């Protein structure tokens, strides 16, 4: 059986202007058809320009680390790689281009790092239970690596947000939300026993120790 080649890739990089870690979707067929594609941050900064040029794709990225602009020329084979990392001229990892699952993993690992930094900045009292929240986040990271986080709508572009007592998964396509409480050992036990998490299309649902069954809110 021939292996299916995915022409849609995810891009992850840090915005040069505001410092946010952003994720974008790159469809190589759109570039080939429309020649130029721009990706902007919420702050208005243009982070990436991808342009079809002489049977190759020219990628221009702004750089958070050196505040400059970097240009890369990629052929089709390079773009279709499962994982492709572009580097700043000073050796820092500038941009990831590859599968959505790997991109989500990078974002989750970044959230773990941010969580640790927030605990240092705001103190342990900022989170209701930092240890539980960290363990829940690590479990979500594992499920995502295994491809076990999805949405009923069939899309895989899912963002994660941290709060002092919970995490929220949000589908970028249908805007469904899964609320995961992370305050008690019972909350941790519930999420550790989940072998997959499915967001319900166009709905808000939750997972917690009080209400083990998922419900619409």
Protein backbone atom coordinates (compact mmCIF):
# COMPACT_ATOMS: atom_id res chain seq x y z
CA UNK A 1 0.00 0.00 0.00
CA UNK A 2 1.37 3.43 -0.93
CA UNK A 3 2.09 5.77 1.97
CA UNK A 4 -0.19 8.80 2.13
CA UNK A 5 1.75 12.06 1.85
CA UNK A 6 0.24 14.96 3.78
CA UNK A 7 0.45 18.25 1.89
CA UNK A 8 -0.66 20.22 4.97
CA UNK A 9 2.11 21.06 7.40
CA UNK A 10 2.13 22.92 10.70
CA UNK A 11 4.57 25.74 11.39
CA UNK A 12 5.59 26.75 14.91
CA UNK A 13 7.72 29.80 15.68
CA UNK A 14 7.98 32.61 18.23
CA UNK A 15 6.72 36.03 17.20
CA UNK A 16 9.55 38.56 16.91
CA UNK A 17 7.35 41.38 18.20
CA UNK A 18 5.34 40.01 21.16
CA UNK A 19 7.18 36.76 21.95
CA UNK A 20 4.14 34.49 21.61
CA UNK A 21 4.76 30.96 20.34
CA UNK A 22 2.48 30.69 17.31
CA UNK A 23 1.23 27.77 15.23
CA UNK A 24 0.17 28.10 11.59
CA UNK A 25 -1.06 25.73 8.91
CA UNK A 26 0.84 25.56 5.62
CA UNK A 27 -0.92 23.99 2.64
CA UNK A 28 1.67 23.52 -0.10
CA UNK A 29 -1.02 23.37 -2.77
CA UNK A 30 -2.22 26.86 -1.84
CA UNK A 31 1.31 28.18 -2.26
CA UNK A 32 1.67 26.52 -5.66
CA UNK A 33 -1.71 27.92 -6.77
CA UNK A 34 -1.57 31.41 -5.28
CA UNK A 35 2.20 32.01 -5.18
CA UNK A 36 2.35 34.02 -1.91
CA UNK A 37 1.05 33.26 1.59
CA UNK A 38 1.55 35.44 4.67
CA UNK A 39 1.12 34.44 8.31
CA UNK A 40 0.52 37.15 10.90
CA UNK A 41 0.51 37.12 14.70
CA UNK A 42 -2.40 38.50 16.72
CA UNK A 43 -0.22 41.52 17.46
CA UNK A 44 -0.03 42.33 13.73
CA UNK A 45 3.55 41.19 13.09
CA UNK A 46 4.08 39.27 9.84
CA UNK A 47 5.99 36.23 11.06
CA UNK A 48 6.28 34.22 7.83
CA UNK A 49 5.98 34.72 4.09
CA UNK A 50 5.97 31.65 1.87
CA UNK A 51 6.33 32.18 -1.89
CA UNK A 52 6.47 29.78 -4.85
CA UNK A 53 9.51 30.64 -6.95
CA UNK A 54 11.18 28.66 -9.77
CA UNK A 55 9.82 25.26 -8.66
CA UNK A 56 10.89 25.91 -5.07
CA UNK A 57 9.36 27.59 -2.04
CA UNK A 58 11.02 30.70 -0.63
CA UNK A 59 10.32 31.07 3.09
CA UNK A 60 11.01 34.42 4.77
CA UNK A 61 10.78 34.46 8.59
CA UNK A 62 11.19 37.15 11.20
CA UNK A 63 13.48 36.08 14.05
CA UNK A 64 12.69 36.49 17.75
CA UNK A 65 16.31 35.80 18.72
CA UNK A 66 18.30 38.23 16.57
CA UNK A 67 15.39 40.50 15.54
CA UNK A 68 16.35 40.03 11.90
CA UNK A 69 14.82 38.43 8.81
CA UNK A 70 15.97 35.02 7.51
CA UNK A 71 15.41 33.61 4.02
CA UNK A 72 15.27 29.90 3.18
CA UNK A 73 14.86 28.16 -0.18
CA UNK A 74 13.14 24.76 0.19
CA UNK A 75 12.31 22.17 -2.43
CA UNK A 76 9.21 19.99 -2.31
CA UNK A 77 11.02 17.09 -0.69
CA UNK A 78 12.20 19.25 2.22
CA UNK A 79 8.72 20.66 2.83
CA UNK A 80 7.11 17.22 2.84
CA UNK A 81 9.45 15.93 5.56
CA UNK A 82 7.73 14.77 8.74
CA UNK A 83 9.96 17.12 10.70
CA UNK A 84 11.88 20.09 9.34
CA UNK A 85 13.66 22.62 11.56
CA UNK A 86 14.94 26.00 10.38
CA UNK A 87 17.67 27.74 12.36
CA UNK A 88 18.70 31.32 13.02
CA UNK A 89 22.18 32.23 11.79
CA UNK A 90 23.27 32.22 15.45
CA UNK A 91 22.26 28.57 15.82
CA UNK A 92 18.96 28.96 17.68
CA UNK A 93 15.96 26.91 16.55
CA UNK A 94 13.89 29.44 14.67
CA UNK A 95 10.99 27.51 13.17
CA UNK A 96 9.50 24.02 13.11
CA UNK A 97 7.70 22.76 10.01
CA UNK A 98 6.07 19.33 10.07
CA UNK A 99 3.16 17.28 11.37
CA UNK A 100 0.37 18.78 13.44
CA UNK A 101 0.92 16.24 16.23
CA UNK A 102 4.59 17.17 16.56
CA UNK A 103 3.68 20.87 16.48
CA UNK A 104 1.16 20.32 19.28
CA UNK A 105 3.83 18.49 21.26
CA UNK A 106 6.16 21.49 20.94
CA UNK A 107 3.39 23.80 22.17
CA UNK A 108 2.59 21.51 25.11
CA UNK A 109 6.26 21.27 26.10
CA UNK A 110 6.43 25.05 25.93
CA UNK A 111 3.39 25.26 28.22
CA UNK A 112 5.16 22.99 30.72
CA UNK A 113 8.15 25.35 30.67
CA UNK A 114 5.88 28.38 31.05
CA UNK A 115 4.08 26.69 33.92
CA UNK A 116 7.37 26.17 35.75
CA UNK A 117 8.38 29.79 35.12
CA UNK A 118 5.01 31.11 36.28
CA UNK A 119 5.35 29.13 39.49
CA UNK A 120 8.69 30.84 40.11
CA UNK A 121 7.36 34.30 39.22
CA UNK A 122 3.99 34.21 40.99
CA UNK A 123 4.75 31.72 43.76
CA UNK A 124 3.07 28.42 44.57
CA UNK A 125 -0.11 30.17 45.71
CA UNK A 126 -0.80 31.33 42.14
CA UNK A 127 -1.95 27.81 41.22
CA UNK A 128 -4.41 25.89 43.36
CA UNK A 129 -2.18 22.82 43.06
CA UNK A 130 0.92 23.27 40.94
CA UNK A 131 2.06 19.64 41.24
CA UNK A 132 -1.31 18.26 40.04
CA UNK A 133 -1.51 20.79 37.21
CA UNK A 134 1.99 19.90 36.03
CA UNK A 135 1.25 16.16 36.08
CA UNK A 136 -2.01 16.66 34.16
CA UNK A 137 -0.14 18.71 31.55
CA UNK A 138 2.50 16.00 31.19
CA UNK A 139 -0.27 13.41 30.69
CA UNK A 140 -1.82 15.56 27.95
CA UNK A 141 1.61 15.83 26.34
CA UNK A 142 1.85 12.04 26.27
CA UNK A 143 -1.67 11.59 24.82
CA UNK A 144 -0.92 14.16 22.14
CA UNK A 145 2.32 12.39 21.14
CA UNK A 146 0.30 9.19 20.75
CA UNK A 147 -2.32 10.97 18.59
CA UNK A 148 -5.00 10.46 21.24
CA UNK A 149 -6.35 14.03 21.42
CA UNK A 150 -8.90 14.88 18.74
CA UNK A 151 -12.21 16.57 17.98
CA UNK A 152 -15.48 15.10 16.65
CA UNK A 153 -15.31 17.57 13.76
CA UNK A 154 -12.34 15.66 12.38
CA UNK A 155 -9.78 18.47 12.68
CA UNK A 156 -6.54 18.23 14.66
CA UNK A 157 -5.72 21.91 15.23
CA UNK A 158 -6.25 22.03 18.99
CA UNK A 159 -4.86 24.73 21.30
CA UNK A 160 -4.27 24.51 25.05
CA UNK A 161 -4.71 27.24 27.66
CA UNK A 162 -3.60 27.16 31.30
CA UNK A 163 -5.52 28.60 34.24
CA UNK A 164 -4.76 28.47 37.97
CA UNK A 165 -7.17 25.55 38.53
CA UNK A 166 -7.63 23.88 35.13
CA UNK A 167 -6.55 23.45 31.52
CA UNK A 168 -8.73 24.04 28.48
CA UNK A 169 -8.37 22.37 25.08
CA UNK A 170 -9.95 24.30 22.22
CA UNK A 171 -10.53 23.18 18.62
CA UNK A 172 -9.45 25.90 16.19
CA UNK A 173 -11.99 24.71 13.63
CA UNK A 174 -15.36 24.27 15.40
CA UNK A 175 -14.36 26.10 18.62
CA UNK A 176 -15.39 23.23 20.89
CA UNK A 177 -13.79 23.28 24.34
CA UNK A 178 -12.77 20.53 26.74
CA UNK A 179 -12.27 21.77 30.31
CA UNK A 180 -9.92 19.63 32.41
CA UNK A 181 -9.84 20.45 36.11
CA UNK A 182 -6.51 19.94 37.87
CA UNK A 183 -6.79 20.67 41.58
CA UNK A 184 -7.01 17.34 43.41
CA UNK A 185 -5.56 13.84 43.37
CA UNK A 186 -8.98 12.69 42.15
CA UNK A 187 -8.71 15.07 39.18
CA UNK A 188 -5.30 13.61 38.36
CA UNK A 189 -6.59 10.04 38.71
CA UNK A 190 -9.40 10.71 36.23
CA UNK A 191 -7.09 12.11 33.54
CA UNK A 192 -4.46 9.41 34.12
CA UNK A 193 -7.11 6.77 33.40
CA UNK A 194 -8.07 8.36 30.08
CA UNK A 195 -6.58 6.60 27.06
CA UNK A 196 -7.87 9.32 24.74
CA UNK A 197 -9.62 12.70 24.84
CA UNK A 198 -12.22 13.69 22.26
CA UNK A 199 -13.67 17.18 22.07
CA UNK A 200 -17.37 17.28 21.21
CA UNK A 201 -18.09 19.26 18.05
CA UNK A 202 -19.49 22.76 18.73
CA UNK A 203 -19.81 21.97 22.45
CA UNK A 204 -18.20 22.70 25.80
CA UNK A 205 -17.55 19.64 27.95
CA UNK A 206 -15.48 18.94 31.02
CA UNK A 207 -13.52 16.25 32.83
CA UNK A 208 -13.22 16.44 36.63
CA UNK A 209 -13.42 14.28 39.74
CA UNK A 210 -16.89 15.45 40.72
CA UNK A 211 -18.35 14.62 37.34
CA UNK A 212 -16.42 11.75 35.77
CA UNK A 213 -18.93 11.51 32.91
CA UNK A 214 -18.41 14.20 30.31
CA UNK A 215 -21.31 16.62 30.09
CA UNK A 216 -22.28 19.59 27.93
CA UNK A 217 -22.24 22.96 29.64
